[in-house]
Amino acid sequence: MRDDSRTTVIAEFQQRHHLLRAFTAKVEGLLTELLAGEKLHSITSRTKTAESLANKLAKPDASYTSLDQITDICGVRITTYFEGTVERVAKVIKREFQIDEPNSADKGALLDPDRFGYLSLHYVASLTADRAKLPENKQFAGIKAEIQIRSILQHAWAEIEHDLGYKTDRKSTRLNS
């Protein structure tokens, strides 16, 4: 990624950080209301930090020219107790949000049927046009959040896989240095 593009994206992020944090909280609150009838383990959220964004932009394959191209600045994770609840939650999200299909993914569909690995639904979502017209939401029109849905067992596996992969990468980097 070119330095001038990286500088532009970081400047945009710093200017909009307060709004992005408010949007993350809005999506988390909305999902908490919409899913009140479901038995869930947790709904958590985070907004990327400047440091995390800088690390993402520093990756060799990064080619962003504007902040709007990055779909995971705002993130919400819904963890269910049971795998069957994941699909019910997904239906609510598809009904209540505008889904950016090309940037959304069913990570489980990428695995061979006989393989165990990272399973999670990732939706890149924004407020629907009707919801964005509401006075309290106008400021959020067009902002996207990544909403991840997975069962608690899938979440545990993802954490283990992340830690093992991260430690393996760090170890091999040290050995190759």
Protein backbone atom coordinates (compact mmCIF):
# COMPACT_ATOMS: atom_id res chain seq x y z
CA MET A 1 0.00 0.00 0.00
CA ARG A 2 1.32 3.42 -0.90
CA ASP A 3 2.27 5.71 1.99
CA ASP A 4 -0.01 8.54 0.80
CA SER A 5 -3.02 6.16 0.70
CA ARG A 6 -2.15 4.86 4.17
CA THR A 7 -1.89 8.42 5.49
CA THR A 8 -5.25 9.32 3.93
CA VAL A 9 -7.02 6.29 5.43
CA ILE A 10 -5.53 6.88 8.90
CA ALA A 11 -6.49 10.58 8.79
CA GLU A 12 -10.05 9.61 7.80
CA PHE A 13 -10.15 7.12 10.67
CA GLN A 14 -8.97 9.66 13.22
CA GLN A 15 -11.54 12.18 12.01
CA ARG A 16 -14.41 9.66 12.15
CA HIS A 17 -13.35 7.53 15.13
CA HIS A 18 -15.97 8.97 17.48
CA LEU A 19 -18.75 8.32 14.94
CA LEU A 20 -17.47 4.79 14.25
CA ARG A 21 -17.45 3.98 17.97
CA ALA A 22 -21.01 5.31 18.27
CA PHE A 23 -22.09 3.18 15.31
CA THR A 24 -20.54 0.06 16.84
CA ALA A 25 -22.48 0.71 20.05
CA LYS A 26 -25.68 1.34 18.02
CA VAL A 27 -25.37 -1.98 16.18
CA GLU A 28 -24.61 -3.88 19.39
CA GLY A 29 -27.62 -2.30 21.12
CA LEU A 30 -29.91 -2.95 18.16
CA LEU A 31 -28.83 -6.59 17.99
CA THR A 32 -29.35 -6.97 21.74
CA GLU A 33 -32.94 -5.74 21.31
CA LEU A 34 -33.65 -7.78 18.18
CA LEU A 35 -32.28 -10.99 19.71
CA ALA A 36 -33.79 -10.60 23.19
CA GLY A 37 -35.88 -13.76 22.68
CA GLU A 38 -32.88 -15.93 21.81
CA LYS A 39 -30.79 -17.76 24.38
CA LEU A 40 -27.32 -16.34 23.63
CA HIS A 41 -23.99 -16.66 25.34
CA SER A 42 -22.90 -13.12 24.51
CA ILE A 43 -23.02 -10.14 22.21
CA THR A 44 -19.76 -8.19 22.21
CA SER A 45 -18.39 -5.41 20.08
CA ARG A 46 -15.26 -3.46 19.31
CA THR A 47 -14.13 -0.64 17.09
CA LYS A 48 -10.65 -1.03 15.60
CA THR A 49 -7.94 0.98 17.27
CA ALA A 50 -5.58 3.23 15.32
CA GLU A 51 -2.78 0.74 15.99
CA SER A 52 -4.84 -2.19 14.70
CA LEU A 53 -5.79 -0.23 11.59
CA ALA A 54 -2.16 0.75 10.96
CA ASN A 55 -1.16 -2.94 11.21
CA LYS A 56 -3.87 -3.89 8.71
CA LEU A 57 -2.75 -1.17 6.30
CA ALA A 58 0.88 -2.28 6.60
CA LYS A 59 0.15 -5.78 5.30
CA PRO A 60 1.70 -6.45 1.88
CA ASP A 61 -1.66 -7.20 0.25
CA ALA A 62 -3.39 -4.06 1.59
CA SER A 63 -4.68 -1.86 -1.22
CA TYR A 64 -7.19 0.45 0.45
CA THR A 65 -7.54 4.01 -0.77
CA SER A 66 -10.36 5.08 1.57
CA LEU A 67 -11.68 4.12 4.98
CA ASP A 68 -15.03 3.04 3.50
CA GLN A 69 -13.31 0.12 1.75
CA ILE A 70 -12.42 -1.46 5.09
CA THR A 71 -15.42 -3.48 6.22
CA ASP A 72 -14.30 -4.54 9.70
CA ILE A 73 -13.61 -1.21 11.42
CA CYS A 74 -16.78 -1.76 13.47
CA GLY A 75 -17.37 -5.31 14.68
CA VAL A 76 -19.99 -7.18 16.64
CA ARG A 77 -19.72 -10.85 17.63
CA ILE A 78 -22.73 -12.91 18.62
CA THR A 79 -21.88 -16.15 20.39
CA THR A 80 -24.67 -18.70 20.77
CA TYR A 81 -24.84 -21.71 23.05
CA PHE A 82 -25.92 -24.01 20.25
CA GLU A 83 -25.06 -24.30 16.57
CA GLY A 84 -28.76 -24.39 15.64
CA THR A 85 -29.24 -20.89 17.04
CA VAL A 86 -26.64 -19.50 14.61
CA GLU A 87 -29.02 -19.86 11.65
CA ARG A 88 -31.94 -18.25 13.51
CA VAL A 89 -29.72 -15.28 14.41
CA ALA A 90 -28.53 -15.08 10.78
CA LYS A 91 -32.15 -14.80 9.59
CA VAL A 92 -32.75 -11.86 11.92
CA ILE A 93 -29.63 -10.09 10.68
CA LYS A 94 -30.56 -10.64 7.02
CA ARG A 95 -34.05 -9.30 7.71
CA GLU A 96 -33.03 -6.27 9.79
CA PHE A 97 -29.83 -5.06 8.06
CA GLN A 98 -28.64 -4.30 4.55
CA ILE A 99 -26.12 -7.06 3.80
CA ASP A 100 -23.06 -6.45 1.62
CA GLU A 101 -23.09 -9.94 0.09
CA PRO A 102 -19.75 -9.76 -1.79
CA ASN A 103 -17.92 -8.95 1.44
CA SER A 104 -19.85 -11.37 3.66
CA ALA A 105 -18.81 -15.01 4.14
CA ASP A 106 -19.85 -18.32 5.59
CA LYS A 107 -16.43 -19.52 6.76
CA GLY A 108 -17.78 -23.04 7.33
CA ALA A 109 -18.73 -23.34 3.65
CA LEU A 110 -15.04 -22.96 2.78
CA LEU A 111 -14.16 -26.22 4.56
CA ASP A 112 -14.44 -29.70 3.12
CA PRO A 113 -17.44 -31.45 4.72
CA ASP A 114 -15.16 -33.89 6.59
CA ARG A 115 -12.86 -31.18 8.02
CA PHE A 116 -13.03 -29.40 11.35
CA GLY A 117 -11.87 -25.81 11.44
CA TYR A 118 -12.91 -22.19 11.71
CA LEU A 119 -16.67 -21.98 11.40
CA SER A 120 -18.41 -18.64 11.60
CA LEU A 121 -20.84 -16.52 9.65
CA HIS A 122 -19.50 -13.06 8.82
CA TYR A 123 -21.95 -10.47 7.56
CA VAL A 124 -20.85 -7.04 6.46
CA ALA A 125 -23.93 -5.01 7.26
CA SER A 126 -25.25 -1.48 7.36
CA LEU A 127 -28.53 -0.01 8.51
CA THR A 128 -31.43 -0.48 6.11
CA ALA A 129 -32.56 2.63 4.24
CA ASP A 130 -35.67 2.93 6.43
CA ARG A 131 -33.67 2.61 9.65
CA ALA A 132 -31.03 5.09 8.40
CA LYS A 133 -33.77 7.69 7.75
CA LEU A 134 -34.64 7.85 11.44
CA PRO A 135 -33.35 11.08 13.01
CA GLU A 136 -31.22 9.20 15.55
CA ASN A 137 -29.57 7.15 12.79
CA LYS A 138 -28.99 9.65 9.97
CA GLN A 139 -25.37 10.11 10.99
CA PHE A 140 -24.77 6.35 10.47
CA ALA A 141 -26.03 6.08 6.89
CA GLY A 142 -23.60 4.06 4.78
CA ILE A 143 -21.34 2.94 7.65
CA LYS A 144 -20.69 -0.80 7.72
CA ALA A 145 -20.02 -3.25 10.52
CA GLU A 146 -18.85 -6.83 10.41
CA ILE A 147 -21.25 -9.03 12.37
CA GLN A 148 -19.87 -12.46 13.27
CA ILE A 149 -22.13 -15.25 14.46
CA ARG A 150 -20.85 -18.51 15.90
CA SER A 151 -21.56 -21.06 18.59
CA ILE A 152 -19.56 -21.12 21.79
CA LEU A 153 -17.72 -24.27 20.59
CA GLN A 154 -16.88 -22.59 17.29
CA HIS A 155 -15.69 -19.57 19.29
CA ALA A 156 -13.45 -21.73 21.48
CA TRP A 157 -11.94 -23.38 18.39
CA ALA A 158 -11.36 -19.98 16.74
CA GLU A 159 -9.53 -18.75 19.85
CA ILE A 160 -7.33 -21.87 19.97
CA GLU A 161 -6.63 -21.71 16.24
CA HIS A 162 -5.76 -18.00 16.46
CA ASP A 163 -3.40 -18.50 19.40
CA LEU A 164 -1.70 -21.52 17.83
CA GLY A 165 -1.35 -19.81 14.47
CA TYR A 166 -0.07 -16.60 16.03
CA LYS A 167 2.46 -18.39 18.23
CA THR A 168 3.56 -20.61 15.35
CA ASP A 169 4.04 -17.56 13.12
CA ARG A 170 6.03 -15.77 15.84
CA LYS A 171 8.19 -18.84 16.48
CA SER A 172 8.95 -19.40 12.79
CA THR A 173 9.73 -15.71 12.36
CA ARG A 174 12.21 -15.89 15.21
CA LEU A 175 13.79 -19.04 13.80
CA ASN A 176 14.13 -17.48 10.36
CA SER A 177 15.64 -14.23 11.68
